[in-house]
């Protein structure tokens, strides 16, 4: 995560140094759009990992119950 934020900081500094105002605004817009999509992807990834962990816990619990009941 630190590498991503460091990359972003350097990119934003580079964008802010662009002299053409229209190009700079466009690049800022695209950068913000990219970062928001990246955040959405990370959020979805974390959410899916949590879901996977909960499914694995439920499966393990079922196995334990089956074992306890002799199935």
PDB file of N, CA and C in Angstrom:
ATOM      1  N   UNK A   1       0.822  -1.189   0.000  1.00  0.00           N
ATOM      2  CA  UNK A   1       0.000   0.000   0.000  1.00  0.00           C
ATOM      3  C   UNK A   1       0.869   1.256   0.000  1.00  0.00           C
ATOM      4  N   UNK A   2       2.000   1.225   0.721  1.00  0.00           N
ATOM      5  CA  UNK A   2       2.872   2.393   0.755  1.00  0.00           C
ATOM      6  C   UNK A   2       3.445   2.697  -0.625  1.00  0.00           C
ATOM      7  N   UNK A   3       3.787   1.640  -1.375  1.00  0.00           N
ATOM      8  CA  UNK A   3       4.331   1.854  -2.713  1.00  0.00           C
ATOM      9  C   UNK A   3       3.300   2.543  -3.595  1.00  0.00           C
ATOM     10  N   UNK A   4       2.041   2.157  -3.461  1.00  0.00           N
ATOM     11  CA  UNK A   4       0.978   2.765  -4.270  1.00  0.00           C
ATOM     12  C   UNK A   4       0.851   4.247  -3.937  1.00  0.00           C
ATOM     13  N   UNK A   5       0.833   4.579  -2.656  1.00  0.00           N
ATOM     14  CA  UNK A   5       0.666   5.986  -2.283  1.00  0.00           C
ATOM     15  C   UNK A   5       1.891   6.805  -2.671  1.00  0.00           C
ATOM     16  N   UNK A   6       3.098   6.218  -2.573  1.00  0.00           N
ATOM     17  CA  UNK A   6       4.297   6.937  -2.995  1.00  0.00           C
ATOM     18  C   UNK A   6       4.286   7.175  -4.493  1.00  0.00           C
ATOM     19  N   UNK A   7       3.861   6.181  -5.246  1.00  0.00           N
ATOM     20  CA  UNK A   7       3.737   6.344  -6.697  1.00  0.00           C
ATOM     21  C   UNK A   7       2.757   7.458  -7.008  1.00  0.00           C
ATOM     22  N   UNK A   8       1.641   7.468  -6.311  1.00  0.00           N
ATOM     23  CA  UNK A   8       0.631   8.484  -6.529  1.00  0.00           C
ATOM     24  C   UNK A   8       1.130   9.879  -6.227  1.00  0.00           C
ATOM     25  N   UNK A   9       1.897  10.002  -5.164  1.00  0.00           N
ATOM     26  CA  UNK A   9       2.401  11.312  -4.782  1.00  0.00           C
ATOM     27  C   UNK A   9       3.339  11.851  -5.868  1.00  0.00           C
ATOM     28  N   UNK A  10       4.219  11.007  -6.393  1.00  0.00           N
ATOM     29  CA  UNK A  10       5.127  11.424  -7.458  1.00  0.00           C
ATOM     30  C   UNK A  10       4.379  11.780  -8.723  1.00  0.00           C
ATOM     31  N   UNK A  11       3.355  11.009  -9.033  1.00  0.00           N
ATOM     32  CA  UNK A  11       2.550  11.267 -10.226  1.00  0.00           C
ATOM     33  C   UNK A  11       1.832  12.596 -10.104  1.00  0.00           C
ATOM     34  N   UNK A  12       1.260  12.856  -8.954  1.00  0.00           N
ATOM     35  CA  UNK A  12       0.539  14.106  -8.750  1.00  0.00           C
ATOM     36  C   UNK A  12       1.482  15.303  -8.832  1.00  0.00           C
ATOM     37  N   UNK A  13       2.686  15.167  -8.277  1.00  0.00           N
ATOM     38  CA  UNK A  13       3.675  16.250  -8.385  1.00  0.00           C
ATOM     39  C   UNK A  13       4.024  16.502  -9.850  1.00  0.00           C
ATOM     40  N   UNK A  14       4.180  15.421 -10.613  1.00  0.00           N
ATOM     41  CA  UNK A  14       4.503  15.551 -12.034  1.00  0.00           C
ATOM     42  C   UNK A  14       3.364  16.249 -12.782  1.00  0.00           C
ATOM     43  N   UNK A  15       2.137  15.841 -12.487  1.00  0.00           N
ATOM     44  CA  UNK A  15       0.968  16.442 -13.152  1.00  0.00           C
ATOM     45  C   UNK A  15       0.902  17.931 -12.838  1.00  0.00           C
ATOM     46  N   UNK A  16       1.168  18.297 -11.596  1.00  0.00           N
ATOM     47  CA  UNK A  16       1.072  19.705 -11.199  1.00  0.00           C
ATOM     48  C   UNK A  16       2.148  20.569 -11.850  1.00  0.00           C
ATOM     49  N   UNK A  17       3.204  19.953 -12.381  1.00  0.00           N
ATOM     50  CA  UNK A  17       4.267  20.708 -13.038  1.00  0.00           C
ATOM     51  C   UNK A  17       3.991  20.942 -14.526  1.00  0.00           C
ATOM     52  N   UNK A  18       2.948  20.321 -15.068  1.00  0.00           N
ATOM     53  CA  UNK A  18       2.603  20.508 -16.484  1.00  0.00           C
ATOM     54  C   UNK A  18       2.169  21.957 -16.684  1.00  0.00           C
ATOM     55  N   UNK A  19       2.758  22.598 -17.695  1.00  0.00           N
ATOM     56  CA  UNK A  19       2.510  24.032 -17.902  1.00  0.00           C
ATOM     57  C   UNK A  19       1.156  24.326 -18.560  1.00  0.00           C
ATOM     58  N   UNK A  20       0.745  23.490 -19.501  1.00  0.00           N
ATOM     59  CA  UNK A  20      -0.533  23.710 -20.195  1.00  0.00           C
ATOM     60  C   UNK A  20      -1.682  23.438 -19.221  1.00  0.00           C
ATOM     61  N   UNK A  21      -2.470  24.474 -18.944  1.00  0.00           N
ATOM     62  CA  UNK A  21      -3.520  24.360 -17.931  1.00  0.00           C
ATOM     63  C   UNK A  21      -4.590  23.336 -18.299  1.00  0.00           C
ATOM     64  N   UNK A  22      -5.001  23.316 -19.577  1.00  0.00           N
ATOM     65  CA  UNK A  22      -6.024  22.351 -19.995  1.00  0.00           C
ATOM     66  C   UNK A  22      -5.522  20.917 -19.851  1.00  0.00           C
ATOM     67  N   UNK A  23      -4.283  20.690 -20.262  1.00  0.00           N
ATOM     68  CA  UNK A  23      -3.704  19.355 -20.137  1.00  0.00           C
ATOM     69  C   UNK A  23      -3.569  18.973 -18.665  1.00  0.00           C
ATOM     70  N   UNK A  24      -3.127  19.934 -17.835  1.00  0.00           N
ATOM     71  CA  UNK A  24      -2.974  19.665 -16.402  1.00  0.00           C
ATOM     72  C   UNK A  24      -4.325  19.301 -15.777  1.00  0.00           C
ATOM     73  N   UNK A  25      -5.387  20.030 -16.105  1.00  0.00           N
ATOM     74  CA  UNK A  25      -6.721  19.723 -15.564  1.00  0.00           C
ATOM     75  C   UNK A  25      -7.197  18.348 -16.020  1.00  0.00           C
ATOM     76  N   UNK A  26      -6.955  18.037 -17.303  1.00  0.00           N
ATOM     77  CA  UNK A  26      -7.349  16.730 -17.831  1.00  0.00           C
ATOM     78  C   UNK A  26      -6.600  15.614 -17.100  1.00  0.00           C
ATOM     79  N   UNK A  27      -5.291  15.789 -16.943  1.00  0.00           N
ATOM     80  CA  UNK A  27      -4.502  14.761 -16.251  1.00  0.00           C
ATOM     81  C   UNK A  27      -4.933  14.614 -14.794  1.00  0.00           C
ATOM     82  N   UNK A  28      -5.241  15.718 -14.135  1.00  0.00           N
ATOM     83  CA  UNK A  28      -5.722  15.648 -12.754  1.00  0.00           C
ATOM     84  C   UNK A  28      -7.041  14.889 -12.686  1.00  0.00           C
ATOM     85  N   UNK A  29      -7.944  15.182 -13.624  1.00  0.00           N
ATOM     86  CA  UNK A  29      -9.225  14.495 -13.663  1.00  0.00           C
ATOM     87  C   UNK A  29      -9.020  12.999 -13.864  1.00  0.00           C
ATOM     88  N   UNK A  30      -8.172  12.627 -14.841  1.00  0.00           N
ATOM     89  CA  UNK A  30      -7.927  11.207 -15.119  1.00  0.00           C
ATOM     90  C   UNK A  30      -7.257  10.530 -13.928  1.00  0.00           C
ATOM     91  N   UNK A  31      -6.356  11.233 -13.257  1.00  0.00           N
ATOM     92  CA  UNK A  31      -5.668  10.675 -12.099  1.00  0.00           C
ATOM     93  C   UNK A  31      -6.663  10.421 -10.965  1.00  0.00           C
ATOM     94  N   UNK A  32      -7.521  11.379 -10.708  1.00  0.00           N
ATOM     95  CA  UNK A  32      -8.528  11.220  -9.645  1.00  0.00           C
ATOM     96  C   UNK A  32      -9.470  10.074  -9.986  1.00  0.00           C
ATOM     97  N   UNK A  33      -9.872   9.990 -11.255  1.00  0.00           N
ATOM     98  CA  UNK A  33     -10.735   8.896 -11.712  1.00  0.00           C
ATOM     99  C   UNK A  33     -10.035   7.552 -11.508  1.00  0.00           C
ATOM    100  N   UNK A  34      -8.758   7.488 -11.874  1.00  0.00           N
ATOM    101  CA  UNK A  34      -7.980   6.255 -11.706  1.00  0.00           C
ATOM    102  C   UNK A  34      -7.872   5.869 -10.233  1.00  0.00           C
ATOM    103  N   UNK A  35      -7.566   6.847  -9.373  1.00  0.00           N
ATOM    104  CA  UNK A  35      -7.412   6.556  -7.947  1.00  0.00           C
ATOM    105  C   UNK A  35      -8.732   6.082  -7.337  1.00  0.00           C
ATOM    106  N   UNK A  36      -9.842   6.674  -7.758  1.00  0.00           N
ATOM    107  CA  UNK A  36     -11.127   6.245  -7.192  1.00  0.00           C
ATOM    108  C   UNK A  36     -11.455   4.826  -7.645  1.00  0.00           C
ATOM    109  N   UNK A  37     -11.140   4.500  -8.905  1.00  0.00           N
ATOM    110  CA  UNK A  37     -11.362   3.126  -9.369  1.00  0.00           C
ATOM    111  C   UNK A  37     -10.450   2.157  -8.636  1.00  0.00           C
ATOM    112  N   UNK A  38      -9.221   2.583  -8.394  1.00  0.00           N
ATOM    113  CA  UNK A  38      -8.269   1.742  -7.672  1.00  0.00           C
ATOM    114  C   UNK A  38      -8.775   1.496  -6.248  1.00  0.00           C
ATOM    115  N   UNK A  39      -9.280   2.536  -5.610  1.00  0.00           N
ATOM    116  CA  UNK A  39      -9.837   2.386  -4.266  1.00  0.00           C
ATOM    117  C   UNK A  39     -11.029   1.435  -4.277  1.00  0.00           C
ATOM    118  N   UNK A  40     -11.884   1.554  -5.289  1.00  0.00           N
ATOM    119  CA  UNK A  40     -13.031   0.652  -5.406  1.00  0.00           C
ATOM    120  C   UNK A  40     -12.580  -0.790  -5.566  1.00  0.00           C
ATOM    121  N   UNK A  41     -11.550  -1.005  -6.384  1.00  0.00           N
ATOM    122  CA  UNK A  41     -11.029  -2.356  -6.588  1.00  0.00           C
ATOM    123  C   UNK A  41     -10.454  -2.925  -5.297  1.00  0.00           C
ATOM    124  N   UNK A  42      -9.702  -2.081  -4.574  1.00  0.00           N
ATOM    125  CA  UNK A  42      -9.138  -2.542  -3.303  1.00  0.00           C
ATOM    126  C   UNK A  42     -10.235  -2.858  -2.295  1.00  0.00           C
ATOM    127  N   UNK A  43     -11.261  -2.022  -2.251  1.00  0.00           N
ATOM    128  CA  UNK A  43     -12.385  -2.255  -1.346  1.00  0.00           C
ATOM    129  C   UNK A  43     -13.072  -3.568  -1.680  1.00  0.00           C
ATOM    130  N   UNK A  44     -13.317  -3.798  -2.971  1.00  0.00           N
ATOM    131  CA  UNK A  44     -13.964  -5.045  -3.385  1.00  0.00           C
ATOM    132  C   UNK A  44     -13.091  -6.257  -3.088  1.00  0.00           C
ATOM    133  N   UNK A  45     -11.791  -6.106  -3.266  1.00  0.00           N
ATOM    134  CA  UNK A  45     -10.870  -7.198  -2.971  1.00  0.00           C
ATOM    135  C   UNK A  45     -10.899  -7.536  -1.485  1.00  0.00           C
ATOM    136  N   UNK A  46     -10.855  -6.524  -0.646  1.00  0.00           N
ATOM    137  CA  UNK A  46     -10.904  -6.748   0.804  1.00  0.00           C
ATOM    138  C   UNK A  46     -12.236  -7.385   1.187  1.00  0.00           C
ATOM    139  N   UNK A  47     -13.320  -6.899   0.605  1.00  0.00           N
ATOM    140  CA  UNK A  47     -14.650  -7.446   0.895  1.00  0.00           C
ATOM    141  C   UNK A  47     -14.724  -8.919   0.490  1.00  0.00           C
ATOM    142  N   UNK A  48     -14.180  -9.257  -0.691  1.00  0.00           N
ATOM    143  CA  UNK A  48     -14.240 -10.648  -1.146  1.00  0.00           C
ATOM    144  C   UNK A  48     -13.353 -11.543  -0.284  1.00  0.00           C
ATOM    145  N   UNK A  49     -12.211 -11.019   0.186  1.00  0.00           N
ATOM    146  CA  UNK A  49     -11.357 -11.808   1.078  1.00  0.00           C
ATOM    147  C   UNK A  49     -12.081 -12.099   2.387  1.00  0.00           C
ATOM    148  N   UNK A  50     -12.776 -11.112   2.920  1.00  0.00           N
ATOM    149  CA  UNK A  50     -13.522 -11.318   4.160  1.00  0.00           C
ATOM    150  C   UNK A  50     -14.629 -12.345   3.953  1.00  0.00           C
ATOM    151  N   UNK A  51     -15.294 -12.268   2.807  1.00  0.00           N
ATOM    152  CA  UNK A  51     -16.353 -13.234   2.495  1.00  0.00           C
ATOM    153  C   UNK A  51     -15.776 -14.634   2.391  1.00  0.00           C
ATOM    154  N   UNK A  52     -14.643 -14.756   1.722  1.00  0.00           N
ATOM    155  CA  UNK A  52     -13.991 -16.054   1.570  1.00  0.00           C
ATOM    156  C   UNK A  52     -13.599 -16.622   2.930  1.00  0.00           C
ATOM    157  N   UNK A  53     -13.052 -15.770   3.797  1.00  0.00           N
ATOM    158  CA  UNK A  53     -12.688 -16.224   5.139  1.00  0.00           C
ATOM    159  C   UNK A  53     -13.909 -16.712   5.903  1.00  0.00           C
ATOM    160  N   UNK A  54     -15.019 -15.997   5.794  1.00  0.00           N
ATOM    161  CA  UNK A  54     -16.223 -16.405   6.524  1.00  0.00           C
ATOM    162  C   UNK A  54     -16.760 -17.723   5.976  1.00  0.00           C
ATOM    163  N   UNK A  55     -16.694 -17.916   4.647  1.00  0.00           N
ATOM    164  CA  UNK A  55     -17.133 -19.180   4.056  1.00  0.00           C
ATOM    165  C   UNK A  55     -16.252 -20.326   4.541  1.00  0.00           C
ATOM    166  N   UNK A  56     -14.945 -20.087   4.583  1.00  0.00           N
ATOM    167  CA  UNK A  56     -14.027 -21.124   5.055  1.00  0.00           C
ATOM    168  C   UNK A  56     -14.294 -21.470   6.522  1.00  0.00           C
ATOM    169  N   UNK A  57     -14.582 -20.457   7.339  1.00  0.00           N
ATOM    170  CA  UNK A  57     -14.894 -20.715   8.752  1.00  0.00           C
ATOM    171  C   UNK A  57     -16.165 -21.538   8.883  1.00  0.00           C
ATOM    172  N   UNK A  58     -17.183 -21.211   8.075  1.00  0.00           N
ATOM    173  CA  UNK A  58     -18.449 -21.964   8.122  1.00  0.00           C
ATOM    174  C   UNK A  58     -18.233 -23.416   7.707  1.00  0.00           C
ATOM    175  N   UNK A  59     -17.428 -23.625   6.670  1.00  0.00           N
ATOM    176  CA  UNK A  59     -17.143 -24.996   6.237  1.00  0.00           C
ATOM    177  C   UNK A  59     -16.414 -25.777   7.318  1.00  0.00           C
ATOM    178  N   UNK A  60     -15.449 -25.139   7.947  1.00  0.00           N
ATOM    179  CA  UNK A  60     -14.705 -25.803   9.015  1.00  0.00           C
ATOM    180  C   UNK A  60     -15.630 -26.128  10.183  1.00  0.00           C
ATOM    181  N   UNK A  61     -16.528 -25.224  10.509  1.00  0.00           N
ATOM    182  CA  UNK A  61     -17.468 -25.452  11.604  1.00  0.00           C
ATOM    183  C   UNK A  61     -18.390 -26.626  11.271  1.00  0.00           C
ATOM    184  N   UNK A  62     -18.863 -26.686  10.021  1.00  0.00           N
ATOM    185  CA  UNK A  62     -19.719 -27.813   9.613  1.00  0.00           C
ATOM    186  C   UNK A  62     -18.964 -29.142   9.711  1.00  0.00           C
ATOM    187  N   UNK A  63     -17.702 -29.131   9.270  1.00  0.00           N
ATOM    188  CA  UNK A  63     -16.899 -30.350   9.352  1.00  0.00           C
ATOM    189  C   UNK A  63     -16.747 -30.785  10.804  1.00  0.00           C
ATOM    190  N   UNK A  64     -16.497 -29.819  11.681  1.00  0.00           N
ATOM    191  CA  UNK A  64     -16.351 -30.133  13.111  1.00  0.00           C
ATOM    192  C   UNK A  64     -17.644 -30.712  13.674  1.00  0.00           C
ATOM    193  N   UNK A  65     -18.774 -30.126  13.294  1.00  0.00           N
ATOM    194  CA  UNK A  65     -20.058 -30.629  13.781  1.00  0.00           C
ATOM    195  C   UNK A  65     -20.332 -32.037  13.253  1.00  0.00           C
ATOM    196  N   UNK A  66     -20.046 -32.239  11.974  1.00  0.00           N
ATOM    197  CA  UNK A  66     -20.251 -33.566  11.395  1.00  0.00           C
ATOM    198  C   UNK A  66     -19.367 -34.598  12.099  1.00  0.00           C
ATOM    199  N   UNK A  67     -18.137 -34.215  12.344  1.00  0.00           N
ATOM    200  CA  UNK A  67     -17.201 -35.107  13.023  1.00  0.00           C
ATOM    201  C   UNK A  67     -17.691 -35.418  14.446  1.00  0.00           C
ATOM    202  N   UNK A  68     -18.195 -34.385  15.121  1.00  0.00           N
ATOM    203  CA  UNK A  68     -18.672 -34.567  16.483  1.00  0.00           C
ATOM    204  C   UNK A  68     -19.891 -35.491  16.534  1.00  0.00           C
ATOM    205  N   UNK A  69     -20.729 -35.409  15.514  1.00  0.00           N
ATOM    206  CA  UNK A  69     -21.927 -36.243  15.467  1.00  0.00           C
ATOM    207  C   UNK A  69     -21.685 -37.581  14.781  1.00  0.00           C
ATOM    208  N   UNK A  70     -20.469 -37.802  14.295  1.00  0.00           N
ATOM    209  CA  UNK A  70     -20.114 -39.080  13.701  1.00  0.00           C
ATOM    210  C   UNK A  70     -20.552 -39.249  12.262  1.00  0.00           C
ATOM    211  N   UNK A  71     -20.728 -38.181  11.539  1.00  0.00           N
ATOM    212  CA  UNK A  71     -21.117 -38.285  10.122  1.00  0.00           C
ATOM    213  C   UNK A  71     -19.898 -38.276   9.246  1.00  0.00           C
TER     214      UNK A  71
END
